[in-house]
Amino acid sequence: MDGYAPRGDAPGLGITVDEAAVRAADRTGHGWRDPVWRHADGSFAEW
């Protein structure tokens, strides 16, 4: 569509949240941790 998406007629973003999947993922948890960034000399770099 030439880089554009048509605007919807309904309110919201046009997505449906699967609440059961969200709740299952909440029970499972995750192991994600913030990355630690360092410069070549070993000094701390924040983003």
PDB file of N, CA and C in Angstrom:
ATOM      1  N   MET A   1       0.814  -1.187   0.000  1.00  0.00           N
ATOM      2  CA  MET A   1       0.000   0.000   0.000  1.00  0.00           C
ATOM      3  C   MET A   1       0.861   1.255   0.000  1.00  0.00           C
ATOM      4  N   ASP A   2       1.948   1.231  -0.664  1.00  0.00           N
ATOM      5  CA  ASP A   2       2.826   2.391  -0.783  1.00  0.00           C
ATOM      6  C   ASP A   2       3.314   2.912   0.559  1.00  0.00           C
ATOM      7  N   GLY A   3       3.506   2.026   1.539  1.00  0.00           N
ATOM      8  CA  GLY A   3       4.042   2.441   2.831  1.00  0.00           C
ATOM      9  C   GLY A   3       3.008   2.961   3.807  1.00  0.00           C
ATOM     10  N   TYR A   4       1.749   2.830   3.499  1.00  0.00           N
ATOM     11  CA  TYR A   4       0.692   3.314   4.378  1.00  0.00           C
ATOM     12  C   TYR A   4      -0.277   2.185   4.696  1.00  0.00           C
ATOM     13  N   ALA A   5      -0.903   2.274   5.855  1.00  0.00           N
ATOM     14  CA  ALA A   5      -1.950   1.332   6.231  1.00  0.00           C
ATOM     15  C   ALA A   5      -3.255   2.114   6.326  1.00  0.00           C
ATOM     16  N   PRO A   6      -4.349   1.525   5.897  1.00  0.00           N
ATOM     17  CA  PRO A   6      -5.611   2.248   5.981  1.00  0.00           C
ATOM     18  C   PRO A   6      -6.039   2.472   7.431  1.00  0.00           C
ATOM     19  N   ARG A   7      -6.661   3.605   7.688  1.00  0.00           N
ATOM     20  CA  ARG A   7      -7.155   3.921   9.016  1.00  0.00           C
ATOM     21  C   ARG A   7      -8.429   3.117   9.267  1.00  0.00           C
ATOM     22  N   GLY A   8      -8.500   2.494  10.429  1.00  0.00           N
ATOM     23  CA  GLY A   8      -9.675   1.705  10.756  1.00  0.00           C
ATOM     24  C   GLY A   8     -10.847   2.573  11.184  1.00  0.00           C
ATOM     25  N   ASP A   9     -12.028   1.995  11.126  1.00  0.00           N
ATOM     26  CA  ASP A   9     -13.240   2.708  11.537  1.00  0.00           C
ATOM     27  C   ASP A   9     -13.547   2.504  13.017  1.00  0.00           C
ATOM     28  N   ALA A  10     -13.040   1.437  13.613  1.00  0.00           N
ATOM     29  CA  ALA A  10     -13.314   1.115  15.010  1.00  0.00           C
ATOM     30  C   ALA A  10     -12.289   1.796  15.919  1.00  0.00           C
ATOM     31  N   PRO A  11     -12.633   1.983  17.193  1.00  0.00           N
ATOM     32  CA  PRO A  11     -11.661   2.563  18.124  1.00  0.00           C
ATOM     33  C   PRO A  11     -10.527   1.584  18.424  1.00  0.00           C
ATOM     34  N   GLY A  12      -9.406   2.104  18.835  1.00  0.00           N
ATOM     35  CA  GLY A  12      -8.273   1.271  19.215  1.00  0.00           C
ATOM     36  C   GLY A  12      -7.309   1.046  18.071  1.00  0.00           C
ATOM     37  N   LEU A  13      -6.397   0.095  18.280  1.00  0.00           N
ATOM     38  CA  LEU A  13      -5.337  -0.172  17.310  1.00  0.00           C
ATOM     39  C   LEU A  13      -5.697  -1.276  16.320  1.00  0.00           C
ATOM     40  N   GLY A  14      -6.840  -1.884  16.485  1.00  0.00           N
ATOM     41  CA  GLY A  14      -7.244  -2.938  15.560  1.00  0.00           C
ATOM     42  C   GLY A  14      -6.644  -4.287  15.886  1.00  0.00           C
ATOM     43  N   ILE A  15      -6.263  -4.495  17.151  1.00  0.00           N
ATOM     44  CA  ILE A  15      -5.733  -5.790  17.570  1.00  0.00           C
ATOM     45  C   ILE A  15      -6.644  -6.374  18.642  1.00  0.00           C
ATOM     46  N   THR A  16      -6.597  -7.673  18.791  1.00  0.00           N
ATOM     47  CA  THR A  16      -7.331  -8.357  19.834  1.00  0.00           C
ATOM     48  C   THR A  16      -6.324  -9.059  20.728  1.00  0.00           C
ATOM     49  N   VAL A  17      -6.375  -8.772  22.016  1.00  0.00           N
ATOM     50  CA  VAL A  17      -5.451  -9.381  22.973  1.00  0.00           C
ATOM     51  C   VAL A  17      -6.006 -10.728  23.402  1.00  0.00           C
ATOM     52  N   ASP A  18      -5.176 -11.765  23.304  1.00  0.00           N
ATOM     53  CA  ASP A  18      -5.550 -13.104  23.765  1.00  0.00           C
ATOM     54  C   ASP A  18      -5.261 -13.161  25.260  1.00  0.00           C
ATOM     55  N   GLU A  19      -6.263 -12.890  26.083  1.00  0.00           N
ATOM     56  CA  GLU A  19      -6.069 -12.792  27.523  1.00  0.00           C
ATOM     57  C   GLU A  19      -5.558 -14.100  28.117  1.00  0.00           C
ATOM     58  N   ALA A  20      -6.009 -15.234  27.614  1.00  0.00           N
ATOM     59  CA  ALA A  20      -5.547 -16.528  28.125  1.00  0.00           C
ATOM     60  C   ALA A  20      -4.053 -16.698  27.879  1.00  0.00           C
ATOM     61  N   ALA A  21      -3.565 -16.259  26.709  1.00  0.00           N
ATOM     62  CA  ALA A  21      -2.143 -16.365  26.412  1.00  0.00           C
ATOM     63  C   ALA A  21      -1.331 -15.432  27.304  1.00  0.00           C
ATOM     64  N   VAL A  22      -1.853 -14.246  27.577  1.00  0.00           N
ATOM     65  CA  VAL A  22      -1.157 -13.296  28.455  1.00  0.00           C
ATOM     66  C   VAL A  22      -1.054 -13.866  29.863  1.00  0.00           C
ATOM     67  N   ARG A  23      -2.147 -14.428  30.349  1.00  0.00           N
ATOM     68  CA  ARG A  23      -2.124 -15.014  31.697  1.00  0.00           C
ATOM     69  C   ARG A  23      -1.189 -16.218  31.777  1.00  0.00           C
ATOM     70  N   ALA A  24      -1.144 -17.038  30.736  1.00  0.00           N
ATOM     71  CA  ALA A  24      -0.226 -18.185  30.714  1.00  0.00           C
ATOM     72  C   ALA A  24       1.224 -17.715  30.711  1.00  0.00           C
ATOM     73  N   ALA A  25       1.518 -16.691  29.935  1.00  0.00           N
ATOM     74  CA  ALA A  25       2.879 -16.151  29.895  1.00  0.00           C
ATOM     75  C   ALA A  25       3.264 -15.556  31.243  1.00  0.00           C
ATOM     76  N   ASP A  26       2.309 -14.958  31.947  1.00  0.00           N
ATOM     77  CA  ASP A  26       2.577 -14.390  33.263  1.00  0.00           C
ATOM     78  C   ASP A  26       2.944 -15.482  34.261  1.00  0.00           C
ATOM     79  N   ARG A  27       2.303 -16.632  34.164  1.00  0.00           N
ATOM     80  CA  ARG A  27       2.622 -17.749  35.062  1.00  0.00           C
ATOM     81  C   ARG A  27       4.002 -18.325  34.763  1.00  0.00           C
ATOM     82  N   THR A  28       4.379 -18.322  33.496  1.00  0.00           N
ATOM     83  CA  THR A  28       5.655 -18.903  33.084  1.00  0.00           C
ATOM     84  C   THR A  28       6.833 -18.054  33.536  1.00  0.00           C
ATOM     85  N   GLY A  29       6.676 -16.741  33.482  1.00  0.00           N
ATOM     86  CA  GLY A  29       7.770 -15.843  33.845  1.00  0.00           C
ATOM     87  C   GLY A  29       8.771 -15.730  32.701  1.00  0.00           C
ATOM     88  N   HIS A  30       9.862 -15.081  32.967  1.00  0.00           N
ATOM     89  CA  HIS A  30      10.899 -14.891  31.952  1.00  0.00           C
ATOM     90  C   HIS A  30      12.255 -14.753  32.627  1.00  0.00           C
ATOM     91  N   GLY A  31      13.310 -14.869  31.852  1.00  0.00           N
ATOM     92  CA  GLY A  31      14.665 -14.737  32.375  1.00  0.00           C
ATOM     93  C   GLY A  31      15.399 -13.552  31.788  1.00  0.00           C
ATOM     94  N   TRP A  32      14.640 -12.573  31.278  1.00  0.00           N
ATOM     95  CA  TRP A  32      15.285 -11.440  30.626  1.00  0.00           C
ATOM     96  C   TRP A  32      15.934 -10.535  31.652  1.00  0.00           C
ATOM     97  N   ARG A  33      17.133 -10.080  31.340  1.00  0.00           N
ATOM     98  CA  ARG A  33      17.858  -9.141  32.201  1.00  0.00           C
ATOM     99  C   ARG A  33      18.363  -7.996  31.339  1.00  0.00           C
ATOM    100  N   ASP A  34      18.486  -6.834  31.941  1.00  0.00           N
ATOM    101  CA  ASP A  34      19.047  -5.699  31.225  1.00  0.00           C
ATOM    102  C   ASP A  34      20.466  -6.013  30.784  1.00  0.00           C
ATOM    103  N   PRO A  35      20.811  -5.670  29.551  1.00  0.00           N
ATOM    104  CA  PRO A  35      22.192  -5.888  29.111  1.00  0.00           C
ATOM    105  C   PRO A  35      23.134  -4.903  29.794  1.00  0.00           C
ATOM    106  N   VAL A  36      24.359  -5.305  29.980  1.00  0.00           N
ATOM    107  CA  VAL A  36      25.386  -4.425  30.526  1.00  0.00           C
ATOM    108  C   VAL A  36      26.290  -4.030  29.369  1.00  0.00           C
ATOM    109  N   TRP A  37      26.305  -2.751  29.066  1.00  0.00           N
ATOM    110  CA  TRP A  37      27.084  -2.248  27.944  1.00  0.00           C
ATOM    111  C   TRP A  37      28.409  -1.704  28.456  1.00  0.00           C
ATOM    112  N   ARG A  38      29.482  -2.047  27.766  1.00  0.00           N
ATOM    113  CA  ARG A  38      30.813  -1.572  28.148  1.00  0.00           C
ATOM    114  C   ARG A  38      31.554  -1.082  26.909  1.00  0.00           C
ATOM    115  N   HIS A  39      32.388  -0.081  27.120  1.00  0.00           N
ATOM    116  CA  HIS A  39      33.246   0.416  26.061  1.00  0.00           C
ATOM    117  C   HIS A  39      34.426  -0.545  25.878  1.00  0.00           C
ATOM    118  N   ALA A  40      35.202  -0.349  24.847  1.00  0.00           N
ATOM    119  CA  ALA A  40      36.359  -1.220  24.577  1.00  0.00           C
ATOM    120  C   ALA A  40      37.346  -1.235  25.749  1.00  0.00           C
ATOM    121  N   ASP A  41      37.427  -0.109  26.496  1.00  0.00           N
ATOM    122  CA  ASP A  41      38.356  -0.041  27.632  1.00  0.00           C
ATOM    123  C   ASP A  41      37.767  -0.653  28.909  1.00  0.00           C
ATOM    124  N   GLY A  42      36.527  -1.182  28.836  1.00  0.00           N
ATOM    125  CA  GLY A  42      35.896  -1.814  29.998  1.00  0.00           C
ATOM    126  C   GLY A  42      35.045  -0.880  30.822  1.00  0.00           C
ATOM    127  N   SER A  43      35.046   0.413  30.514  1.00  0.00           N
ATOM    128  CA  SER A  43      34.231   1.348  31.295  1.00  0.00           C
ATOM    129  C   SER A  43      32.751   1.160  30.960  1.00  0.00           C
ATOM    130  N   PHE A  44      31.905   1.504  31.903  1.00  0.00           N
ATOM    131  CA  PHE A  44      30.467   1.322  31.772  1.00  0.00           C
ATOM    132  C   PHE A  44      29.889   2.281  30.743  1.00  0.00           C
ATOM    133  N   ALA A  45      29.017   1.775  29.905  1.00  0.00           N
ATOM    134  CA  ALA A  45      28.361   2.596  28.889  1.00  0.00           C
ATOM    135  C   ALA A  45      26.859   2.431  29.048  1.00  0.00           C
ATOM    136  N   GLU A  46      26.140   3.518  29.177  1.00  0.00           N
ATOM    137  CA  GLU A  46      24.696   3.463  29.290  1.00  0.00           C
ATOM    138  C   GLU A  46      24.088   3.772  27.944  1.00  0.00           C
ATOM    139  N   TRP A  47      23.637   2.778  27.244  1.00  0.00           N
ATOM    140  CA  TRP A  47      23.006   2.880  25.950  1.00  0.00           C
ATOM    141  C   TRP A  47      23.858   3.708  25.045  1.00  0.00           C
TER     142      TRP A  47
END
